[in-house]
Amino acid sequence: MRYRLTFMTGVAVGYVLGSRAGRERYEQLRSLVRQAAQNPAVRNAAETAAQSGREAASKAAVTVDSRFGDRLPGPVSERVRSLRGRGSGAPAEDGWGT
């Protein structure tokens, strides 16, 4: 599914950037994308993917800190430790701008 979505996104972007269909077709594609983005199923899938990414990043932070903590630069090491200290009850805002 992920590869299909990536392929379709690439096709759509390529079409928009490379076509000579004009402004009308561009506006049609833009409205279709807007409708898809407002679809609750798409929004739920995007939120699920974001949450999975945050969980994976948290697990990676624990691994990086335990294996390389003493060799990391100071600011990176502090950031990894702050992520590690949050545990599973971390708020949605992770401070990384996501």
C-alpha atoms as a PDB file:
ATOM      1  CA  MET A   1       0.000   0.000   0.000  1.00  0.00           C
ATOM      2  CA  ARG A   2       2.814   2.386   0.890  1.00  0.00           C
ATOM      3  CA  TYR A   3       4.540   1.842  -2.452  1.00  0.00           C
ATOM      4  CA  ARG A   4       1.293   2.300  -4.339  1.00  0.00           C
ATOM      5  CA  LEU A   5       0.611   5.569  -2.504  1.00  0.00           C
ATOM      6  CA  THR A   6       4.154   6.769  -3.155  1.00  0.00           C
ATOM      7  CA  PHE A   7       3.857   5.874  -6.833  1.00  0.00           C
ATOM      8  CA  MET A   8       0.493   7.609  -7.217  1.00  0.00           C
ATOM      9  CA  THR A   9       1.818  10.708  -5.465  1.00  0.00           C
ATOM     10  CA  GLY A  10       4.792  10.753  -7.817  1.00  0.00           C
ATOM     11  CA  VAL A  11       2.533  10.386 -10.835  1.00  0.00           C
ATOM     12  CA  ALA A  12       0.296  13.227  -9.671  1.00  0.00           C
ATOM     13  CA  VAL A  13       3.210  15.548  -8.923  1.00  0.00           C
ATOM     14  CA  GLY A  14       4.865  14.679 -12.220  1.00  0.00           C
ATOM     15  CA  TYR A  15       1.675  15.326 -14.098  1.00  0.00           C
ATOM     16  CA  VAL A  16       1.108  18.685 -12.447  1.00  0.00           C
ATOM     17  CA  LEU A  17       4.692  19.813 -12.931  1.00  0.00           C
ATOM     18  CA  GLY A  18       5.125  18.428 -16.421  1.00  0.00           C
ATOM     19  CA  SER A  19       1.767  18.850 -18.038  1.00  0.00           C
ATOM     20  CA  ARG A  20       0.554  21.524 -20.322  1.00  0.00           C
ATOM     21  CA  ALA A  21      -3.087  20.901 -19.474  1.00  0.00           C
ATOM     22  CA  GLY A  22      -3.552  24.411 -18.170  1.00  0.00           C
ATOM     23  CA  ARG A  23      -4.888  26.076 -15.086  1.00  0.00           C
ATOM     24  CA  GLU A  24      -8.306  24.423 -15.224  1.00  0.00           C
ATOM     25  CA  ARG A  25      -6.892  20.893 -14.932  1.00  0.00           C
ATOM     26  CA  TYR A  26      -4.526  22.067 -12.192  1.00  0.00           C
ATOM     27  CA  GLU A  27      -7.466  23.422 -10.199  1.00  0.00           C
ATOM     28  CA  GLN A  28      -9.357  20.129 -10.662  1.00  0.00           C
ATOM     29  CA  LEU A  29      -6.400  18.158  -9.307  1.00  0.00           C
ATOM     30  CA  ARG A  30      -5.974  20.611  -6.471  1.00  0.00           C
ATOM     31  CA  SER A  31      -9.620  20.224  -5.425  1.00  0.00           C
ATOM     32  CA  LEU A  32      -9.307  16.412  -5.553  1.00  0.00           C
ATOM     33  CA  VAL A  33      -6.251  16.555  -3.303  1.00  0.00           C
ATOM     34  CA  ARG A  34      -8.056  18.889  -0.908  1.00  0.00           C
ATOM     35  CA  GLN A  35     -11.048  16.514  -0.763  1.00  0.00           C
ATOM     36  CA  ALA A  36      -8.746  13.563  -0.091  1.00  0.00           C
ATOM     37  CA  ALA A  37      -6.945  15.463   2.670  1.00  0.00           C
ATOM     38  CA  GLN A  38     -10.268  16.255   4.362  1.00  0.00           C
ATOM     39  CA  ASN A  39     -11.398  12.629   4.239  1.00  0.00           C
ATOM     40  CA  PRO A  40     -11.588  11.236   7.803  1.00  0.00           C
ATOM     41  CA  ALA A  41     -10.030   7.926   6.748  1.00  0.00           C
ATOM     42  CA  VAL A  42      -7.025   9.727   5.266  1.00  0.00           C
ATOM     43  CA  ARG A  43      -6.676  11.913   8.344  1.00  0.00           C
ATOM     44  CA  ASN A  44      -6.831   8.867  10.638  1.00  0.00           C
ATOM     45  CA  ALA A  45      -4.224   7.070   8.551  1.00  0.00           C
ATOM     46  CA  ALA A  46      -1.944  10.118   8.641  1.00  0.00           C
ATOM     47  CA  GLU A  47      -2.302  10.438  12.419  1.00  0.00           C
ATOM     48  CA  THR A  48      -1.646   6.719  12.882  1.00  0.00           C
ATOM     49  CA  ALA A  49       1.480   7.003  10.742  1.00  0.00           C
ATOM     50  CA  ALA A  50       2.646  10.035  12.725  1.00  0.00           C
ATOM     51  CA  GLN A  51       2.070   8.252  16.032  1.00  0.00           C
ATOM     52  CA  SER A  52       3.947   5.179  14.788  1.00  0.00           C
ATOM     53  CA  GLY A  53       6.807   7.416  13.738  1.00  0.00           C
ATOM     54  CA  ARG A  54       6.936   9.077  17.154  1.00  0.00           C
ATOM     55  CA  GLU A  55       6.969   5.678  18.874  1.00  0.00           C
ATOM     56  CA  ALA A  56       9.749   4.424  16.577  1.00  0.00           C
ATOM     57  CA  ALA A  57      11.755   7.595  17.228  1.00  0.00           C
ATOM     58  CA  SER A  58      11.356   7.133  20.958  1.00  0.00           C
ATOM     59  CA  LYS A  59      12.582   3.540  20.755  1.00  0.00           C
ATOM     60  CA  ALA A  60      15.474   4.636  18.559  1.00  0.00           C
ATOM     61  CA  ALA A  61      16.373   7.344  21.083  1.00  0.00           C
ATOM     62  CA  VAL A  62      16.617   4.734  23.832  1.00  0.00           C
ATOM     63  CA  THR A  63      18.821   2.531  21.668  1.00  0.00           C
ATOM     64  CA  VAL A  64      21.078   5.393  20.585  1.00  0.00           C
ATOM     65  CA  ASP A  65      21.479   6.621  24.143  1.00  0.00           C
ATOM     66  CA  SER A  66      22.270   3.172  25.522  1.00  0.00           C
ATOM     67  CA  ARG A  67      24.789   2.332  22.786  1.00  0.00           C
ATOM     68  CA  PHE A  68      26.364   5.661  21.897  1.00  0.00           C
ATOM     69  CA  GLY A  69      25.401   8.051  24.701  1.00  0.00           C
ATOM     70  CA  ASP A  70      28.945   8.720  25.860  1.00  0.00           C
ATOM     71  CA  ARG A  71      30.163   9.417  22.301  1.00  0.00           C
ATOM     72  CA  LEU A  72      27.413  11.821  21.216  1.00  0.00           C
ATOM     73  CA  PRO A  73      27.898  15.608  21.207  1.00  0.00           C
ATOM     74  CA  GLY A  74      26.471  17.310  24.297  1.00  0.00           C
ATOM     75  CA  PRO A  75      23.284  18.839  22.817  1.00  0.00           C
ATOM     76  CA  VAL A  76      22.385  15.624  20.968  1.00  0.00           C
ATOM     77  CA  SER A  77      22.958  13.537  24.064  1.00  0.00           C
ATOM     78  CA  GLU A  78      20.776  15.871  26.158  1.00  0.00           C
ATOM     79  CA  ARG A  79      17.980  15.738  23.588  1.00  0.00           C
ATOM     80  CA  VAL A  80      18.088  11.944  23.405  1.00  0.00           C
ATOM     81  CA  ARG A  81      17.965  11.695  27.185  1.00  0.00           C
ATOM     82  CA  SER A  82      15.018  14.094  27.378  1.00  0.00           C
ATOM     83  CA  LEU A  83      13.105  11.951  24.871  1.00  0.00           C
ATOM     84  CA  ARG A  84      14.019   8.814  26.777  1.00  0.00           C
ATOM     85  CA  GLY A  85      12.728  10.256  30.033  1.00  0.00           C
ATOM     86  CA  ARG A  86       9.232  10.860  28.696  1.00  0.00           C
ATOM     87  CA  GLY A  87       8.209   7.222  28.471  1.00  0.00           C
ATOM     88  CA  SER A  88       4.994   6.148  26.751  1.00  0.00           C
ATOM     89  CA  GLY A  89       2.914   9.014  28.143  1.00  0.00           C
ATOM     90  CA  ALA A  90       4.551  11.559  25.870  1.00  0.00           C
ATOM     91  CA  PRO A  91       2.371  14.384  24.601  1.00  0.00           C
ATOM     92  CA  ALA A  92       1.726  14.737  20.878  1.00  0.00           C
ATOM     93  CA  GLU A  93       4.147  17.700  20.614  1.00  0.00           C
ATOM     94  CA  ASP A  94       7.629  16.226  20.563  1.00  0.00           C
ATOM     95  CA  GLY A  95       9.664  19.418  20.212  1.00  0.00           C
ATOM     96  CA  TRP A  96      11.167  18.381  16.900  1.00  0.00           C
ATOM     97  CA  GLY A  97       8.704  20.514  14.947  1.00  0.00           C
ATOM     98  CA  THR A  98       6.456  17.642  13.914  1.00  0.00           C
END
